[in-house]
């Protein structure tokens, strides 16, 4: 293969995503297929949004760490 050959670009992937979204939201699919796909997509979108908000506003891991207690006597 040639060094400068590009098989796919990020715009091709974006175009595929837009086509998939149009297919899901259009009336070409039966409802029993379309509705679960929309629900799964919205669930993933909300999950990613919540993950982004957690990292954006700095919910720290410090409160979730277990406290290690040392049972040694102090002299």
N, C-alpha and C. Protein backbone atom coordinates (compact mmCIF):
# COMPACT_ATOMS: atom_id res chain seq x y z
N UNK A 1 0.84 -1.19 0.00
CA UNK A 1 0.00 0.00 0.00
C UNK A 1 0.87 1.24 0.00
N UNK A 2 0.36 2.25 -0.55
CA UNK A 2 1.07 3.52 -0.62
C UNK A 2 1.03 4.21 0.74
N UNK A 3 2.05 4.97 1.03
CA UNK A 3 2.14 5.69 2.30
C UNK A 3 1.07 6.77 2.42
N UNK A 4 0.73 7.43 1.33
CA UNK A 4 -0.21 8.54 1.37
C UNK A 4 -1.66 8.15 1.14
N UNK A 5 -1.95 6.88 1.05
CA UNK A 5 -3.30 6.42 0.78
C UNK A 5 -4.15 6.46 2.04
N UNK A 6 -5.28 7.14 1.96
CA UNK A 6 -6.21 7.22 3.09
C UNK A 6 -7.46 6.44 2.71
N UNK A 7 -7.79 5.45 3.52
CA UNK A 7 -8.94 4.61 3.21
C UNK A 7 -10.25 5.25 3.63
N UNK A 8 -10.27 5.93 4.75
CA UNK A 8 -11.48 6.59 5.22
C UNK A 8 -11.07 7.83 6.00
N UNK A 9 -11.93 8.80 5.98
CA UNK A 9 -11.64 10.00 6.74
C UNK A 9 -12.68 10.16 7.85
N UNK A 10 -12.42 11.09 8.73
CA UNK A 10 -13.37 11.33 9.80
C UNK A 10 -14.69 11.87 9.24
N UNK A 11 -14.64 12.50 8.09
CA UNK A 11 -15.87 13.02 7.50
C UNK A 11 -16.73 11.89 6.95
N UNK A 12 -16.09 10.81 6.50
CA UNK A 12 -16.87 9.65 6.06
C UNK A 12 -17.61 9.03 7.24
N UNK A 13 -16.95 8.96 8.38
CA UNK A 13 -17.60 8.42 9.58
C UNK A 13 -18.74 9.33 10.03
N UNK A 14 -18.53 10.64 9.97
CA UNK A 14 -19.59 11.58 10.35
C UNK A 14 -20.77 11.47 9.40
N UNK A 15 -20.49 11.29 8.13
CA UNK A 15 -21.55 11.12 7.14
C UNK A 15 -22.35 9.84 7.42
N UNK A 16 -21.67 8.78 7.80
CA UNK A 16 -22.36 7.53 8.14
C UNK A 16 -23.25 7.69 9.37
N UNK A 17 -22.76 8.43 10.35
CA UNK A 17 -23.56 8.66 11.55
C UNK A 17 -24.81 9.46 11.21
N UNK A 18 -24.66 10.49 10.38
CA UNK A 18 -25.82 11.30 9.98
C UNK A 18 -26.81 10.46 9.19
N UNK A 19 -26.34 9.62 8.30
CA UNK A 19 -27.24 8.74 7.55
C UNK A 19 -27.98 7.78 8.47
N UNK A 20 -27.28 7.22 9.46
CA UNK A 20 -27.91 6.30 10.40
C UNK A 20 -28.98 7.02 11.21
N UNK A 21 -28.67 8.23 11.68
CA UNK A 21 -29.66 8.99 12.45
C UNK A 21 -30.88 9.33 11.60
N UNK A 22 -30.65 9.67 10.33
CA UNK A 22 -31.78 9.97 9.45
C UNK A 22 -32.63 8.72 9.24
N UNK A 23 -31.99 7.57 9.08
CA UNK A 23 -32.72 6.33 8.89
C UNK A 23 -33.55 5.99 10.11
N UNK A 24 -32.98 6.17 11.29
CA UNK A 24 -33.69 5.84 12.53
C UNK A 24 -34.87 6.77 12.75
N UNK A 25 -34.69 8.05 12.46
CA UNK A 25 -35.77 9.01 12.74
C UNK A 25 -36.78 9.13 11.60
N UNK A 26 -36.47 8.58 10.45
CA UNK A 26 -37.43 8.66 9.35
C UNK A 26 -38.45 7.53 9.47
N UNK A 27 -39.37 7.49 8.57
CA UNK A 27 -40.45 6.51 8.62
C UNK A 27 -40.14 5.25 7.81
N UNK A 28 -38.88 5.03 7.43
CA UNK A 28 -38.54 3.87 6.61
C UNK A 28 -38.45 2.57 7.40
N UNK A 29 -38.25 2.68 8.71
CA UNK A 29 -38.17 1.49 9.54
C UNK A 29 -39.51 1.26 10.25
N UNK A 30 -39.84 0.02 10.54
CA UNK A 30 -41.06 -0.24 11.32
C UNK A 30 -40.89 0.30 12.74
N UNK A 31 -42.00 0.59 13.38
CA UNK A 31 -41.95 1.18 14.72
C UNK A 31 -41.27 0.28 15.73
N UNK A 32 -41.44 -1.03 15.60
CA UNK A 32 -40.85 -1.95 16.58
C UNK A 32 -39.33 -1.99 16.49
N UNK A 33 -38.77 -1.48 15.39
CA UNK A 33 -37.32 -1.37 15.25
C UNK A 33 -36.87 0.05 15.60
N UNK A 34 -37.62 1.02 15.13
CA UNK A 34 -37.25 2.43 15.29
C UNK A 34 -37.27 2.87 16.75
N UNK A 35 -38.29 2.53 17.50
CA UNK A 35 -38.42 3.02 18.87
C UNK A 35 -37.32 2.50 19.80
N UNK A 36 -36.97 1.20 19.77
CA UNK A 36 -35.84 0.78 20.62
C UNK A 36 -34.51 1.43 20.22
N UNK A 37 -34.29 1.64 18.92
CA UNK A 37 -33.05 2.30 18.50
C UNK A 37 -32.99 3.74 19.00
N UNK A 38 -34.11 4.44 18.95
CA UNK A 38 -34.15 5.81 19.46
C UNK A 38 -33.93 5.81 20.97
N UNK A 39 -34.55 4.87 21.68
CA UNK A 39 -34.39 4.79 23.14
C UNK A 39 -32.95 4.49 23.52
N UNK A 40 -32.32 3.57 22.82
CA UNK A 40 -30.92 3.24 23.11
C UNK A 40 -30.02 4.45 22.84
N UNK A 41 -30.26 5.12 21.74
CA UNK A 41 -29.47 6.29 21.40
C UNK A 41 -29.61 7.41 22.42
N UNK A 42 -30.83 7.66 22.86
CA UNK A 42 -31.04 8.71 23.86
C UNK A 42 -30.43 8.32 25.21
N UNK A 43 -30.51 7.04 25.55
CA UNK A 43 -29.90 6.57 26.80
C UNK A 43 -28.39 6.78 26.77
N UNK A 44 -27.77 6.43 25.66
CA UNK A 44 -26.32 6.62 25.53
C UNK A 44 -25.95 8.11 25.57
N UNK A 45 -26.77 8.94 24.95
CA UNK A 45 -26.52 10.37 24.95
C UNK A 45 -26.60 10.95 26.36
N UNK A 46 -27.62 10.56 27.12
CA UNK A 46 -27.76 11.04 28.50
C UNK A 46 -26.61 10.53 29.36
N UNK A 47 -26.23 9.28 29.18
CA UNK A 47 -25.12 8.71 29.96
C UNK A 47 -23.82 9.47 29.69
N UNK A 48 -23.53 9.71 28.43
CA UNK A 48 -22.31 10.45 28.09
C UNK A 48 -22.37 11.88 28.61
N UNK A 49 -23.54 12.50 28.55
CA UNK A 49 -23.69 13.86 29.07
C UNK A 49 -23.45 13.92 30.57
N UNK A 50 -23.97 12.94 31.30
CA UNK A 50 -23.74 12.90 32.74
C UNK A 50 -22.28 12.64 33.07
N UNK A 51 -21.63 11.78 32.31
CA UNK A 51 -20.20 11.53 32.52
C UNK A 51 -19.40 12.81 32.28
N UNK A 52 -19.75 13.54 31.25
CA UNK A 52 -19.05 14.78 30.94
C UNK A 52 -19.26 15.79 32.06
N UNK A 53 -20.51 15.90 32.57
CA UNK A 53 -20.77 16.84 33.66
C UNK A 53 -20.00 16.47 34.92
N UNK A 54 -19.89 15.17 35.20
CA UNK A 54 -19.13 14.75 36.38
C UNK A 54 -17.67 15.15 36.28
N UNK A 55 -17.09 14.98 35.11
CA UNK A 55 -15.68 15.35 34.96
C UNK A 55 -15.53 16.86 34.85
N UNK A 56 -16.49 17.53 34.26
CA UNK A 56 -16.40 18.97 34.07
C UNK A 56 -16.47 19.72 35.39
N UNK A 57 -17.37 19.31 36.27
CA UNK A 57 -17.55 20.03 37.52
C UNK A 57 -16.83 19.38 38.68
N UNK A 58 -15.94 18.45 38.38
CA UNK A 58 -14.97 17.96 39.35
C UNK A 58 -15.51 17.17 40.51
N UNK A 59 -16.40 16.24 40.26
CA UNK A 59 -16.79 15.35 41.35
C UNK A 59 -15.57 14.48 41.64
N UNK A 60 -14.97 14.73 42.79
CA UNK A 60 -13.69 14.07 43.07
C UNK A 60 -13.92 12.65 43.56
N UNK A 61 -12.88 11.85 43.40
CA UNK A 61 -12.90 10.47 43.85
C UNK A 61 -12.52 10.36 45.33
N UNK A 62 -12.10 11.47 45.92
CA UNK A 62 -11.61 11.43 47.29
C UNK A 62 -12.68 10.98 48.26
N UNK A 63 -13.91 11.33 48.04
CA UNK A 63 -14.99 10.94 48.94
C UNK A 63 -15.37 9.48 48.79
N UNK A 64 -15.02 8.86 47.69
CA UNK A 64 -15.39 7.47 47.44
C UNK A 64 -14.32 6.48 47.87
N UNK A 65 -13.16 6.95 48.25
CA UNK A 65 -12.08 6.06 48.63
C UNK A 65 -12.33 5.50 50.02
N UNK A 66 -12.10 4.21 50.21
CA UNK A 66 -12.26 3.66 51.56
C UNK A 66 -11.12 4.13 52.46
N UNK A 67 -11.45 4.34 53.71
CA UNK A 67 -10.45 4.79 54.67
C UNK A 67 -9.78 3.56 55.25
N UNK A 68 -8.47 3.54 55.19
CA UNK A 68 -7.71 2.42 55.73
C UNK A 68 -7.35 2.72 57.17
N UNK A 69 -7.84 1.88 58.05
CA UNK A 69 -7.54 2.06 59.46
C UNK A 69 -6.38 1.15 59.85
N UNK A 70 -5.44 1.70 60.59
CA UNK A 70 -4.28 0.94 61.02
C UNK A 70 -4.48 0.63 62.50
N UNK A 71 -4.42 -0.65 62.84
CA UNK A 71 -4.63 -1.07 64.22
C UNK A 71 -3.29 -1.27 64.93
N UNK A 72 -2.45 -0.29 64.87
CA UNK A 72 -1.18 -0.40 65.58
C UNK A 72 -1.23 0.52 66.80
N UNK A 73 -0.59 0.08 67.84
CA UNK A 73 -0.57 0.88 69.07
C UNK A 73 0.48 1.96 68.95
N UNK A 74 0.16 3.10 69.51
CA UNK A 74 1.08 4.24 69.48
C UNK A 74 1.87 4.22 70.77
N UNK A 75 3.17 4.36 70.70
CA UNK A 75 4.01 4.34 71.91
C UNK A 75 4.33 5.73 72.36
